[in-house]
Amino acid sequence: MQRLSNARFAIVGIALALVLLVGGVIVVGWGGDRGAADTSRPGWISEGEVTQNLEADGYRVRKIEDDDGRYKVKVTTRDGHKEKLYVNPKSGARVSAVADDEIDTE
């Protein structure tokens, strides 16, 4: 009986270790290089900084990309509305916002 209990404990331990290992790999790979400095655009703040600033203001960033010399950021507001924000790449200031609910089904 004791041997069976030890075997179950070992199996549960191994399963938990695998879940944590796989989960760690997914989390590390998920963010990509969003926080990395972008040396191809001198003077621009990183996408990671833009994301961090917007998340501090209560937005959830869904997508961020370069669009005609500024960042186009698709976000979800605190109340669940989707918006498209345009951000100055050097100062991080929001330039404009457009409702994105009808446009984006992402």
C-alpha atoms as a PDB file:
ATOM      1  CA  MET A   1       0.000   0.000   0.000  1.00  0.00           C
ATOM      2  CA  GLN A   2       2.842   2.375   0.898  1.00  0.00           C
ATOM      3  CA  ARG A   3       4.619   1.544  -2.373  1.00  0.00           C
ATOM      4  CA  LEU A   4       1.471   2.489  -4.366  1.00  0.00           C
ATOM      5  CA  SER A   5       1.209   5.798  -2.525  1.00  0.00           C
ATOM      6  CA  ASN A   6       4.862   6.605  -3.278  1.00  0.00           C
ATOM      7  CA  ALA A   7       4.355   5.756  -6.955  1.00  0.00           C
ATOM      8  CA  ARG A   8       1.365   8.120  -7.189  1.00  0.00           C
ATOM      9  CA  PHE A   9       3.360  10.856  -5.503  1.00  0.00           C
ATOM     10  CA  ALA A  10       6.199  10.373  -7.996  1.00  0.00           C
ATOM     11  CA  ILE A  11       3.833  10.432 -10.992  1.00  0.00           C
ATOM     12  CA  VAL A  12       2.121  13.605  -9.756  1.00  0.00           C
ATOM     13  CA  GLY A  13       5.531  15.204  -9.168  1.00  0.00           C
ATOM     14  CA  ILE A  14       6.735  14.361 -12.661  1.00  0.00           C
ATOM     15  CA  ALA A  15       3.494  15.621 -14.222  1.00  0.00           C
ATOM     16  CA  LEU A  16       3.747  18.889 -12.288  1.00  0.00           C
ATOM     17  CA  ALA A  17       7.378  19.342 -13.348  1.00  0.00           C
ATOM     18  CA  LEU A  18       6.431  18.825 -17.016  1.00  0.00           C
ATOM     19  CA  VAL A  19       3.575  21.323 -16.783  1.00  0.00           C
ATOM     20  CA  LEU A  20       5.864  23.938 -15.250  1.00  0.00           C
ATOM     21  CA  LEU A  21       8.588  23.286 -17.811  1.00  0.00           C
ATOM     22  CA  VAL A  22       6.240  23.541 -20.802  1.00  0.00           C
ATOM     23  CA  GLY A  23       4.482  26.575 -19.306  1.00  0.00           C
ATOM     24  CA  GLY A  24       7.816  28.317 -18.790  1.00  0.00           C
ATOM     25  CA  VAL A  25       8.840  27.723 -22.387  1.00  0.00           C
ATOM     26  CA  ILE A  26       5.530  29.129 -23.635  1.00  0.00           C
ATOM     27  CA  VAL A  27       5.737  32.238 -21.424  1.00  0.00           C
ATOM     28  CA  VAL A  28       9.340  32.956 -22.402  1.00  0.00           C
ATOM     29  CA  GLY A  29       8.542  32.574 -26.105  1.00  0.00           C
ATOM     30  CA  TRP A  30       5.261  34.498 -25.992  1.00  0.00           C
ATOM     31  CA  GLY A  31       6.572  38.032 -25.577  1.00  0.00           C
ATOM     32  CA  GLY A  32       8.976  37.874 -28.465  1.00  0.00           C
ATOM     33  CA  ASP A  33      11.323  40.851 -28.512  1.00  0.00           C
ATOM     34  CA  ARG A  34       8.702  43.421 -27.611  1.00  0.00           C
ATOM     35  CA  GLY A  35      10.881  44.818 -24.835  1.00  0.00           C
ATOM     36  CA  ALA A  36      14.113  44.851 -26.791  1.00  0.00           C
ATOM     37  CA  ALA A  37      15.658  48.092 -27.907  1.00  0.00           C
ATOM     38  CA  ASP A  38      15.163  48.726 -31.602  1.00  0.00           C
ATOM     39  CA  THR A  39      18.480  49.803 -33.075  1.00  0.00           C
ATOM     40  CA  SER A  40      17.041  50.132 -36.601  1.00  0.00           C
ATOM     41  CA  ARG A  41      14.983  53.153 -35.529  1.00  0.00           C
ATOM     42  CA  PRO A  42      17.281  55.498 -33.585  1.00  0.00           C
ATOM     43  CA  GLY A  43      15.524  57.690 -31.051  1.00  0.00           C
ATOM     44  CA  TRP A  44      12.418  55.499 -30.888  1.00  0.00           C
ATOM     45  CA  ILE A  45      11.300  54.096 -27.579  1.00  0.00           C
ATOM     46  CA  SER A  46      10.875  50.321 -27.626  1.00  0.00           C
ATOM     47  CA  GLU A  47       7.582  48.541 -28.207  1.00  0.00           C
ATOM     48  CA  GLY A  48       8.024  47.205 -24.682  1.00  0.00           C
ATOM     49  CA  GLU A  49       8.073  50.733 -23.247  1.00  0.00           C
ATOM     50  CA  VAL A  50       4.967  51.672 -25.226  1.00  0.00           C
ATOM     51  CA  THR A  51       3.231  48.523 -23.982  1.00  0.00           C
ATOM     52  CA  GLN A  52       4.286  49.159 -20.390  1.00  0.00           C
ATOM     53  CA  ASN A  53       3.052  52.775 -20.482  1.00  0.00           C
ATOM     54  CA  LEU A  54      -0.318  51.830 -21.964  1.00  0.00           C
ATOM     55  CA  GLU A  55      -0.816  48.942 -19.542  1.00  0.00           C
ATOM     56  CA  ALA A  56      -0.080  51.339 -16.666  1.00  0.00           C
ATOM     57  CA  ASP A  57      -2.952  53.474 -18.008  1.00  0.00           C
ATOM     58  CA  GLY A  58      -5.306  50.476 -17.922  1.00  0.00           C
ATOM     59  CA  TYR A  59      -5.138  49.279 -21.521  1.00  0.00           C
ATOM     60  CA  ARG A  60      -4.494  45.678 -22.588  1.00  0.00           C
ATOM     61  CA  VAL A  61      -2.226  45.729 -25.635  1.00  0.00           C
ATOM     62  CA  ARG A  62      -3.305  43.258 -28.321  1.00  0.00           C
ATOM     63  CA  LYS A  63      -0.985  44.250 -31.172  1.00  0.00           C
ATOM     64  CA  ILE A  64       1.663  46.871 -31.820  1.00  0.00           C
ATOM     65  CA  GLU A  65       3.336  47.786 -35.119  1.00  0.00           C
ATOM     66  CA  ASP A  66       5.154  50.549 -36.956  1.00  0.00           C
ATOM     67  CA  ASP A  67       2.763  52.554 -39.148  1.00  0.00           C
ATOM     68  CA  ASP A  68       4.059  55.486 -41.207  1.00  0.00           C
ATOM     69  CA  GLY A  69       6.559  56.707 -38.639  1.00  0.00           C
ATOM     70  CA  ARG A  70       4.471  56.083 -35.539  1.00  0.00           C
ATOM     71  CA  TYR A  71       3.286  53.149 -33.505  1.00  0.00           C
ATOM     72  CA  LYS A  72      -0.175  51.782 -34.238  1.00  0.00           C
ATOM     73  CA  VAL A  73      -1.360  49.943 -31.144  1.00  0.00           C
ATOM     74  CA  LYS A  74      -4.522  47.855 -30.944  1.00  0.00           C
ATOM     75  CA  VAL A  75      -5.762  47.838 -27.357  1.00  0.00           C
ATOM     76  CA  THR A  76      -8.716  46.842 -25.233  1.00  0.00           C
ATOM     77  CA  THR A  77      -9.909  49.403 -22.696  1.00  0.00           C
ATOM     78  CA  ARG A  78     -10.799  48.638 -19.076  1.00  0.00           C
ATOM     79  CA  ASP A  79     -14.468  48.412 -20.053  1.00  0.00           C
ATOM     80  CA  GLY A  80     -13.784  45.995 -22.918  1.00  0.00           C
ATOM     81  CA  HIS A  81     -13.900  48.338 -25.916  1.00  0.00           C
ATOM     82  CA  LYS A  82     -11.364  47.865 -28.671  1.00  0.00           C
ATOM     83  CA  GLU A  83      -9.414  50.912 -29.799  1.00  0.00           C
ATOM     84  CA  LYS A  84      -6.613  51.713 -32.186  1.00  0.00           C
ATOM     85  CA  LEU A  85      -4.121  54.177 -30.688  1.00  0.00           C
ATOM     86  CA  TYR A  86      -1.401  56.033 -32.534  1.00  0.00           C
ATOM     87  CA  VAL A  87       1.670  56.743 -30.409  1.00  0.00           C
ATOM     88  CA  ASN A  88       4.582  59.104 -31.026  1.00  0.00           C
ATOM     89  CA  PRO A  89       7.602  56.786 -31.245  1.00  0.00           C
ATOM     90  CA  LYS A  90      10.040  59.241 -29.672  1.00  0.00           C
ATOM     91  CA  SER A  91       8.010  60.635 -26.779  1.00  0.00           C
ATOM     92  CA  GLY A  92       5.521  57.831 -26.195  1.00  0.00           C
ATOM     93  CA  ALA A  93       2.655  60.342 -26.212  1.00  0.00           C
ATOM     94  CA  ARG A  94      -0.670  59.233 -27.657  1.00  0.00           C
ATOM     95  CA  VAL A  95      -1.324  61.127 -30.870  1.00  0.00           C
ATOM     96  CA  SER A  96      -4.850  59.892 -31.586  1.00  0.00           C
ATOM     97  CA  ALA A  97      -7.359  57.158 -30.820  1.00  0.00           C
ATOM     98  CA  VAL A  98      -9.979  55.499 -33.008  1.00  0.00           C
ATOM     99  CA  ALA A  99     -12.725  53.107 -31.937  1.00  0.00           C
ATOM    100  CA  ASP A 100     -11.821  49.679 -33.288  1.00  0.00           C
ATOM    101  CA  ASP A 101     -14.895  47.656 -32.262  1.00  0.00           C
ATOM    102  CA  GLU A 102     -16.438  47.470 -35.730  1.00  0.00           C
ATOM    103  CA  ILE A 103     -13.178  47.227 -37.663  1.00  0.00           C
ATOM    104  CA  ASP A 104     -11.276  44.490 -35.825  1.00  0.00           C
ATOM    105  CA  THR A 105     -12.605  41.061 -34.959  1.00  0.00           C
ATOM    106  CA  GLU A 106      -9.275  39.958 -33.445  1.00  0.00           C
END
